[in-house]
Structure formats: C-alpha cells, structure tokens
Amino acid sequence: MASYEAPAVARRRLRLALRKAREAKGLTQAQVAQALDWSLSKVNRIETGEVTVSTTDLHALLRLFEVTDAAQVDRLVADARASRRRGWWDEPRYRQHLTPAMLQLFQFETEATTIRIFHPTLIPGLLQTQAYAEAALGVWRDRLSADARATRLEARLRRRDYVFGRSDPPQCLLILDESVLHRRLGDAEITAEQLSHLLAWTREPHFSLRVVPLADTAVMAMLGVFFVLDLGDDENAILYREGVLQDELIHHPEDVAYHRQLFDQIWATALAEDASVRMVQERLTALSGGSEFSTVGDR
C-alpha cells in the first residue's frame, strides 16, 4: 500500500500557507500578479488549489513574500512536489467514471484523523460489503453503464483498504437513521450480511455508531449525506456533501464548522452506542427470522 501523502492534502496545505504568507505581507492577489507578471486568474487558481504550483513559481512567490526560513521553505517545496504525484485514483477509468469531488475525497480520507459520517438512507459506501455495494449501484443501472458501476464498485472497496488499512486509522463516527436498518438492498441474505458486517465494525476501537430512532427523525428527512473530515486539528477540516445527482467538496470554514456542529448535535441526541448496537443486532435477528424490508438504491 502506498505510504506517501495524498496530493490533494499536500496541495491544500500549500495553498493555505501561500495565502497566509501573502496576507501577512499585506498584498492582494492583484498585487502579486502584477509583481510577478502573472495573470490574476493564475494567482487565484493557486490559492484555491485548482492548479499545482511548480517549484520555480513557488520560489518566486516565497521571495515576494519574504519567506526565508530554510525549514519552512523546504516543507513548502516538499508539498509542491507531493501535490503533483499520482495515485491509484488517477487511473483513467476512475477519472472517467468518478466525480472530481469523489476522487479528492478518497485522498483526504487517507490523511484524516477523524471522519464523521451522517447517512440517513443507507450504510455508507466506505463500510459496505461487496454484495451490498453491488445491489446499491445496481439501482442506478439506467443512469450508469456497466463499466461505470464496476469501476465505482472497485473504487469503493479499494478505498476502504487505504483508509482503515493504515497503521494509524482515523476515528470514524457514524450516524444512521433507524430506517437504514429496515431497508433491504438485494435479498435478505445480502442485507443480513451487511448488518453483520456493521456489527463487526462496532467492535473496532476506532469506530463508533449511533442510531437516530424513527420517533426522532423529523429533521433527518431534510438532511442529505455529508462527511466532515478532520485533517489534524479543529481548524483543518473539509466537508463532503452528496446529493442524488451531484456531490461537492467544500473547504469554506463556516460551512465545515456548521456541519460539524450539526453532526455533534445529532450525535448527542441519538441513541447511545450500546443501545445503537443492540438495535442493529435486533434488526439482524428479525431479518434472519424472515421479516420484510423495503428497498432503495444508492449512487
């Protein structure tokens, strides 16, 4: 398994450091562009992370910002080089069939210290069994080609190894709506396997689950899927939101803070972890006894 840092993470750290250095120098983006004879759009794209930074351009920026500390310069040069590396997510078939936000999410997940997942409809892809994931993707057969579904399935399974197969896996906090436990994908055996798999995760020290009971889920119906990923400290985090037809990765601190606060509020009012585990076990027992479940699909 690759041990180097994900390019998206290095690029984010570099762009934030450059923006901070520019602001400390009291310069606007327009002034930077004029001083270096660059276009304003180039400076903007560097600071938003839309483009990588060559070491030549980086040194020009650091000279302009009067950043001379050797250790800091070395760290930023290392980040610039790391931001241009390629990983498994850069394979053509992934770029063809996965969204840009999803590809970046995979990279940030490999560096996250904590991952908060709010999912009101399904077991999230990061924790799905192969059969459950195939059933979920199968619902989209009219919108996604067989190649697209196969690629998404492969990426979904591969992604988990890179996140939880690390020597220092992230703390994962998952909130599910109780309806997820009653919702069948595929046949009863597939659903039962998935619930059993979820129970196994709850025995891992880095994983915690809380379930929101049906009686308390009025607000859940109005919220979509979202992830909040901490990348080392409370001020270094990103937000991933997923809808039916689109997804997005958000860096804006206010949006990230709002969703983290929302997650924490729901977490505090949901069932305690031991009660949540018991509810999963009860649904698994009921399913094994032949109870009927509803069906739904996932992207």
Protein backbone atom coordinates (compact mmCIF):
# COMPACT_ATOMS: atom_id res chain seq x y z
CA MET A 1 0.00 0.00 0.00
CA ALA A 2 1.26 3.48 -0.87
CA SER A 3 2.68 5.35 2.13
CA TYR A 4 3.26 8.79 0.62
CA GLU A 5 0.95 11.66 1.31
CA ALA A 6 -2.09 12.20 -0.90
CA PRO A 7 -1.55 15.00 -3.45
CA ALA A 8 -4.83 16.75 -2.60
CA VAL A 9 -3.80 17.05 1.04
CA ALA A 10 -0.37 18.49 0.20
CA ARG A 11 -1.92 20.90 -2.30
CA ARG A 12 -4.41 22.12 0.28
CA ARG A 13 -1.71 22.70 2.89
CA LEU A 14 0.45 24.54 0.35
CA ARG A 15 -2.29 26.86 -0.90
CA LEU A 16 -3.32 27.76 2.65
CA ALA A 17 0.31 28.52 3.57
CA LEU A 18 0.76 30.71 0.49
CA ARG A 19 -2.42 32.64 1.17
CA LYS A 20 -1.38 33.16 4.78
CA ALA A 21 2.07 34.39 3.69
CA ARG A 22 0.53 36.79 1.15
CA GLU A 23 -1.86 38.23 3.72
CA ALA A 24 0.95 38.57 6.27
CA LYS A 25 2.84 40.64 3.69
CA GLY A 26 -0.24 42.80 3.16
CA LEU A 27 -0.55 42.03 -0.55
CA THR A 28 -3.64 41.47 -2.64
CA GLN A 29 -3.83 38.80 -5.32
CA ALA A 30 -3.80 41.55 -7.92
CA GLN A 31 -0.58 42.99 -6.50
CA VAL A 32 1.04 39.54 -6.56
CA ALA A 33 0.00 39.05 -10.18
CA GLN A 34 1.43 42.46 -11.14
CA ALA A 35 4.71 41.92 -9.29
CA LEU A 36 5.33 38.53 -10.92
CA ASP A 37 3.85 39.44 -14.31
CA TRP A 38 1.25 36.71 -13.93
CA SER A 39 -2.45 36.77 -14.67
CA LEU A 40 -4.75 37.36 -11.71
CA SER A 41 -6.53 34.10 -12.53
CA LYS A 42 -3.25 32.19 -12.10
CA VAL A 43 -2.78 33.55 -8.58
CA ASN A 44 -6.40 32.81 -7.76
CA ARG A 45 -6.20 29.24 -9.07
CA ILE A 46 -3.07 28.60 -7.00
CA GLU A 47 -4.76 29.81 -3.81
CA THR A 48 -7.94 27.84 -4.48
CA GLY A 49 -5.98 24.68 -5.24
CA GLU A 50 -7.29 24.38 -8.79
CA VAL A 51 -3.75 24.05 -10.16
CA THR A 52 -0.47 22.71 -8.86
CA VAL A 53 2.49 25.01 -8.25
CA SER A 54 5.83 24.43 -9.93
CA THR A 55 8.91 24.77 -7.73
CA THR A 56 10.01 27.71 -9.89
CA ASP A 57 6.75 29.58 -9.29
CA LEU A 58 6.84 28.63 -5.62
CA HIS A 59 10.28 30.14 -5.12
CA ALA A 60 9.13 33.31 -6.89
CA LEU A 61 6.19 33.60 -4.52
CA LEU A 62 8.33 32.95 -1.44
CA ARG A 63 10.82 35.63 -2.48
CA LEU A 64 7.99 38.11 -2.96
CA PHE A 65 6.51 37.21 0.43
CA GLU A 66 9.99 37.31 2.03
CA VAL A 67 9.69 33.79 3.38
CA THR A 68 13.31 32.91 4.08
CA ASP A 69 13.24 30.33 6.87
CA ALA A 70 15.04 27.33 5.39
CA ALA A 71 12.94 24.72 7.15
CA GLN A 72 9.69 26.37 6.09
CA VAL A 73 10.86 26.70 2.51
CA ASP A 74 11.87 23.02 2.44
CA ARG A 75 8.44 21.99 3.75
CA LEU A 76 6.64 24.04 1.13
CA VAL A 77 8.84 22.71 -1.68
CA ALA A 78 8.11 19.17 -0.46
CA ASP A 79 4.38 19.97 -0.52
CA ALA A 80 4.65 21.36 -4.04
CA ARG A 81 6.31 18.17 -5.24
CA ALA A 82 3.87 15.93 -3.36
CA SER A 83 0.91 17.80 -4.86
CA ARG A 84 1.95 16.64 -8.33
CA ARG A 85 2.24 12.97 -7.50
CA ARG A 86 -0.24 10.49 -8.87
CA GLY A 87 -2.04 7.73 -7.00
CA TRP A 88 -4.38 4.88 -7.81
CA TRP A 89 -7.27 7.36 -8.12
CA ASP A 90 -5.55 8.90 -11.17
CA GLU A 91 -6.07 5.80 -13.30
CA PRO A 92 -8.05 6.73 -16.45
CA ARG A 93 -11.03 4.54 -15.65
CA TYR A 94 -11.51 6.21 -12.25
CA ARG A 95 -11.29 9.69 -13.75
CA GLN A 96 -13.79 8.66 -16.39
CA HIS A 97 -16.42 7.21 -14.06
CA LEU A 98 -15.96 9.01 -10.72
CA THR A 99 -16.70 12.64 -9.92
CA PRO A 100 -13.85 15.09 -9.20
CA ALA A 101 -15.17 15.60 -5.67
CA MET A 102 -15.21 11.86 -5.06
CA LEU A 103 -11.62 11.48 -6.27
CA GLN A 104 -10.48 14.22 -3.91
CA LEU A 105 -12.49 12.72 -1.05
CA PHE A 106 -10.58 9.44 -1.44
CA GLN A 107 -7.31 11.32 -0.98
CA PHE A 108 -8.42 13.31 2.05
CA GLU A 109 -9.77 10.15 3.68
CA THR A 110 -6.29 8.62 3.63
CA GLU A 111 -4.97 11.53 5.73
CA ALA A 112 -7.95 12.21 8.01
CA THR A 113 -7.61 11.85 11.75
CA THR A 114 -11.38 11.78 12.30
CA ILE A 115 -14.17 11.06 9.82
CA ARG A 116 -17.73 11.99 10.77
CA ILE A 117 -20.35 10.40 8.52
CA PHE A 118 -24.04 11.31 8.50
CA HIS A 119 -26.14 8.98 6.34
CA PRO A 120 -29.94 8.96 6.62
CA THR A 121 -30.69 6.33 3.95
CA LEU A 122 -28.04 3.60 3.64
CA ILE A 123 -24.93 2.07 5.11
CA PRO A 124 -22.27 4.40 3.63
CA GLY A 125 -20.05 3.20 0.81
CA LEU A 126 -16.93 3.21 2.97
CA LEU A 127 -18.46 0.42 5.10
CA GLN A 128 -20.39 -1.56 2.52
CA THR A 129 -19.87 -5.23 1.77
CA GLN A 130 -19.27 -6.10 -1.86
CA ALA A 131 -22.74 -7.63 -2.30
CA TYR A 132 -24.49 -4.66 -0.66
CA ALA A 133 -22.48 -2.22 -2.78
CA GLU A 134 -23.36 -4.14 -5.95
CA ALA A 135 -27.04 -4.02 -5.04
CA ALA A 136 -26.82 -0.31 -4.26
CA LEU A 137 -25.10 0.51 -7.55
CA GLY A 138 -27.47 -1.78 -9.42
CA VAL A 139 -30.37 0.57 -8.71
CA TRP A 140 -28.59 3.10 -10.97
CA ARG A 141 -28.31 0.76 -13.95
CA ASP A 142 -30.46 3.12 -16.06
CA ARG A 143 -28.09 6.06 -15.40
CA LEU A 144 -24.73 4.31 -15.02
CA SER A 145 -23.21 1.93 -17.54
CA ALA A 146 -21.96 -1.49 -16.52
CA ASP A 147 -18.38 -0.17 -16.77
CA ALA A 148 -19.21 2.81 -14.56
CA ARG A 149 -20.86 0.60 -11.93
CA ALA A 150 -17.95 -1.85 -11.98
CA THR A 151 -15.43 0.98 -11.61
CA ARG A 152 -17.33 2.56 -8.73
CA LEU A 153 -17.58 -0.80 -7.00
CA GLU A 154 -13.85 -1.42 -7.37
CA ALA A 155 -13.02 2.07 -6.08
CA ARG A 156 -15.43 1.69 -3.17
CA LEU A 157 -13.75 -1.49 -1.97
CA ARG A 158 -10.21 -0.28 -2.65
CA ARG A 159 -10.86 2.97 -0.83
CA ARG A 160 -11.66 1.18 2.43
CA ASP A 161 -8.29 -0.56 2.46
CA TYR A 162 -6.48 2.76 2.09
CA VAL A 163 -8.48 4.37 4.90
CA PHE A 164 -8.71 1.65 7.53
CA GLY A 165 -5.68 -0.39 6.48
CA ARG A 166 -3.35 2.36 7.68
CA SER A 167 -1.15 1.84 10.72
CA ASP A 168 -2.97 4.84 12.24
CA PRO A 169 -6.59 4.53 11.03
CA PRO A 170 -8.88 7.52 11.59
CA GLN A 171 -11.52 7.65 14.26
CA CYS A 172 -14.79 7.03 12.42
CA LEU A 173 -18.07 8.34 13.84
CA LEU A 174 -21.20 7.20 12.01
CA ILE A 175 -24.78 8.41 12.44
CA LEU A 176 -27.53 6.34 10.81
CA ASP A 177 -31.26 6.78 10.75
CA GLU A 178 -33.11 3.77 12.13
CA SER A 179 -34.82 3.40 8.74
CA VAL A 180 -31.47 2.29 7.29
CA LEU A 181 -31.69 -0.86 9.39
CA HIS A 182 -35.14 -1.64 7.99
CA ARG A 183 -34.23 -1.01 4.38
CA ARG A 184 -33.30 -4.02 2.24
CA LEU A 185 -30.89 -3.91 -0.67
CA GLY A 186 -30.91 -7.05 -2.73
CA ASP A 187 -32.20 -10.12 -0.94
CA ALA A 188 -32.45 -10.81 2.79
CA GLU A 189 -29.08 -12.57 2.82
CA ILE A 190 -27.28 -9.52 1.42
CA THR A 191 -28.90 -7.22 3.96
CA ALA A 192 -28.15 -9.59 6.83
CA GLU A 193 -24.51 -9.86 5.77
CA GLN A 194 -24.25 -6.08 5.71
CA LEU A 195 -25.75 -5.67 9.18
CA SER A 196 -23.43 -8.36 10.49
CA HIS A 197 -20.52 -6.52 8.88
CA LEU A 198 -21.65 -3.29 10.55
CA LEU A 199 -21.74 -5.02 13.93
CA ALA A 200 -18.17 -6.21 13.39
CA TRP A 201 -17.09 -2.61 12.79
CA THR A 202 -18.61 -1.55 16.12
CA ARG A 203 -16.10 -3.79 17.87
CA GLU A 204 -13.18 -1.86 16.41
CA PRO A 205 -11.63 0.71 18.82
CA HIS A 206 -11.57 3.43 16.15
CA PHE A 207 -15.24 3.07 15.15
CA SER A 208 -18.38 4.40 16.84
CA LEU A 209 -22.02 4.14 15.75
CA ARG A 210 -25.13 5.97 16.89
CA VAL A 211 -28.64 5.46 15.53
CA VAL A 212 -31.39 8.07 15.48
CA PRO A 213 -34.71 6.37 16.34
CA LEU A 214 -37.62 6.74 13.94
CA ALA A 215 -39.54 8.76 16.52
CA ASP A 216 -36.83 11.44 16.44
CA THR A 217 -36.11 11.66 12.74
CA ALA A 218 -38.20 14.60 11.51
CA VAL A 219 -35.05 16.62 10.85
CA MET A 220 -33.27 13.66 9.25
CA ALA A 221 -35.59 13.72 6.24
CA MET A 222 -34.42 17.24 5.42
CA LEU A 223 -30.69 16.50 5.53
CA GLY A 224 -28.55 14.89 2.87
CA VAL A 225 -25.45 12.75 3.17
CA PHE A 226 -22.39 14.56 4.46
CA PHE A 227 -18.90 13.79 5.74
CA VAL A 228 -16.72 16.04 7.90
CA LEU A 229 -13.04 15.10 7.77
CA ASP A 230 -10.58 16.46 10.32
CA LEU A 231 -7.05 16.70 8.96
CA GLY A 232 -5.00 17.14 12.10
CA ASP A 233 -6.76 19.82 14.13
CA ASP A 234 -10.13 21.55 14.55
CA GLU A 235 -9.21 24.34 12.13
CA ASN A 236 -8.03 21.99 9.39
CA ALA A 237 -11.07 20.15 8.07
CA ILE A 238 -13.15 19.69 4.93
CA LEU A 239 -16.79 18.91 4.15
CA TYR A 240 -18.10 16.45 1.57
CA ARG A 241 -21.80 16.59 0.64
CA GLU A 242 -23.60 14.12 -1.59
CA GLY A 243 -26.95 14.52 -3.29
CA VAL A 244 -28.92 12.34 -5.67
CA LEU A 245 -27.29 13.69 -8.83
CA GLN A 246 -24.22 15.59 -7.64
CA ASP A 247 -21.61 15.84 -4.92
CA GLU A 248 -19.20 18.50 -3.78
CA LEU A 249 -16.12 19.02 -1.62
CA ILE A 250 -16.22 22.20 0.48
CA HIS A 251 -13.31 23.92 2.21
CA HIS A 252 -15.09 27.05 3.46
CA PRO A 253 -14.50 27.15 7.27
CA GLU A 254 -18.01 28.39 8.09
CA ASP A 255 -19.70 25.60 6.12
CA VAL A 256 -17.42 22.98 7.65
CA ALA A 257 -17.98 24.31 11.18
CA TYR A 258 -21.75 24.40 10.69
CA HIS A 259 -21.91 20.77 9.58
CA ARG A 260 -19.60 19.63 12.35
CA GLN A 261 -21.81 21.39 14.89
CA LEU A 262 -24.91 19.85 13.28
CA PHE A 263 -23.31 16.41 13.43
CA ASP A 264 -22.38 16.85 17.08
CA GLN A 265 -25.92 17.95 17.95
CA ILE A 266 -27.45 14.88 16.30
CA TRP A 267 -24.78 12.66 17.86
CA ALA A 268 -25.67 13.95 21.33
CA THR A 269 -29.40 13.27 20.90
CA ALA A 270 -29.14 9.88 19.14
CA LEU A 271 -29.19 6.56 20.94
CA ALA A 272 -26.08 5.77 22.97
CA GLU A 273 -23.57 3.48 21.30
CA ASP A 274 -24.52 0.36 23.28
CA ALA A 275 -28.21 0.92 22.56
CA SER A 276 -27.43 1.52 18.89
CA VAL A 277 -25.51 -1.74 18.67
CA ARG A 278 -28.41 -3.58 20.30
CA MET A 279 -30.80 -2.10 17.75
CA VAL A 280 -28.64 -3.34 14.88
CA GLN A 281 -28.49 -6.78 16.44
CA GLU A 282 -32.26 -6.82 16.91
CA ARG A 283 -32.85 -5.92 13.27
CA LEU A 284 -30.39 -8.58 12.16
CA THR A 285 -32.23 -11.15 14.28
CA ALA A 286 -35.59 -10.02 12.90
CA LEU A 287 -34.30 -10.20 9.34
CA SER A 288 -32.94 -13.67 9.88
CA GLY A 289 -36.40 -14.62 11.08
CA GLY A 290 -37.93 -13.62 7.76
CA SER A 291 -39.16 -10.06 8.35
CA GLU A 292 -39.84 -7.97 5.25
CA PHE A 293 -37.81 -4.88 4.44
CA SER A 294 -38.30 -2.04 2.00
CA THR A 295 -35.86 -1.40 -0.86
CA VAL A 296 -33.96 1.67 -2.06
CA GLY A 297 -30.89 2.49 -4.13
CA ASP A 298 -27.65 4.43 -3.68
CA ARG A 299 -25.44 6.37 -6.05
